[in-house]
C-alpha atoms as a PDB file:
ATOM      1  CA  UNK A   1       0.014  -0.021  -0.087  1.00  0.00           C
ATOM      2  CA  UNK A   2       1.151   3.479  -0.590  1.00  0.00           C
ATOM      3  CA  UNK A   3       0.971   6.129   2.022  1.00  0.00           C
ATOM      4  CA  UNK A   4       1.678   9.780   1.424  1.00  0.00           C
ATOM      5  CA  UNK A   5       0.326  13.304   2.199  1.00  0.00           C
ATOM      6  CA  UNK A   6      -2.888  12.754   0.215  1.00  0.00           C
ATOM      7  CA  UNK A   7      -3.892   9.833   2.413  1.00  0.00           C
ATOM      8  CA  UNK A   8      -6.338  11.804   4.348  1.00  0.00           C
ATOM      9  CA  UNK A   9      -9.218  12.213   5.383  1.00  0.00           C
ATOM     10  CA  UNK A  10     -10.181   8.922   3.916  1.00  0.00           C
ATOM     11  CA  UNK A  11      -8.112   5.993   2.700  1.00  0.00           C
ATOM     12  CA  UNK A  12     -10.305   5.799  -0.221  1.00  0.00           C
ATOM     13  CA  UNK A  13      -8.282   8.534  -1.691  1.00  0.00           C
ATOM     14  CA  UNK A  14      -5.154   6.474  -1.358  1.00  0.00           C
ATOM     15  CA  UNK A  15      -6.794   3.829  -3.420  1.00  0.00           C
ATOM     16  CA  UNK A  16      -8.628   5.809  -6.289  1.00  0.00           C
ATOM     17  CA  UNK A  17      -5.925   8.459  -6.870  1.00  0.00           C
ATOM     18  CA  UNK A  18      -3.249   6.971  -9.179  1.00  0.00           C
ATOM     19  CA  UNK A  19       0.401   7.116  -7.805  1.00  0.00           C
ATOM     20  CA  UNK A  20       1.625   9.552 -10.431  1.00  0.00           C
ATOM     21  CA  UNK A  21      -1.330  11.821  -9.879  1.00  0.00           C
ATOM     22  CA  UNK A  22      -0.680  11.827  -6.001  1.00  0.00           C
ATOM     23  CA  UNK A  23       2.922  12.862  -6.816  1.00  0.00           C
ATOM     24  CA  UNK A  24       1.677  15.837  -8.801  1.00  0.00           C
ATOM     25  CA  UNK A  25      -1.067  16.902  -6.242  1.00  0.00           C
ATOM     26  CA  UNK A  26       1.160  16.165  -3.256  1.00  0.00           C
ATOM     27  CA  UNK A  27       1.546  19.801  -2.588  1.00  0.00           C
ATOM     28  CA  UNK A  28      -1.881  21.033  -3.861  1.00  0.00           C
ATOM     29  CA  UNK A  29      -3.729  22.135  -0.733  1.00  0.00           C
ATOM     30  CA  UNK A  30      -6.735  23.248  -2.797  1.00  0.00           C
ATOM     31  CA  UNK A  31      -7.150  19.667  -4.151  1.00  0.00           C
ATOM     32  CA  UNK A  32      -6.949  18.302  -0.575  1.00  0.00           C
ATOM     33  CA  UNK A  33      -9.754  20.775   0.539  1.00  0.00           C
ATOM     34  CA  UNK A  34     -11.923  19.556  -2.386  1.00  0.00           C
ATOM     35  CA  UNK A  35     -11.219  15.982  -1.598  1.00  0.00           C
ATOM     36  CA  UNK A  36     -12.290  16.537   1.934  1.00  0.00           C
ATOM     37  CA  UNK A  37     -15.518  18.040   0.833  1.00  0.00           C
ATOM     38  CA  UNK A  38     -16.314  15.167  -1.652  1.00  0.00           C
ATOM     39  CA  UNK A  39     -15.636  12.598   1.097  1.00  0.00           C
ATOM     40  CA  UNK A  40     -17.946  14.430   3.644  1.00  0.00           C
ATOM     41  CA  UNK A  41     -20.676  15.091   1.265  1.00  0.00           C
END
């Protein structure tokens, strides 16, 4: 399993987000906020 800064707030995003994509979005706080909203809603 891969673990990095995008492994929150839900492990689901660790699975559905491709490894290369995670590398690109690693420091993208706006994406993290969006992902957080997607999980909660």
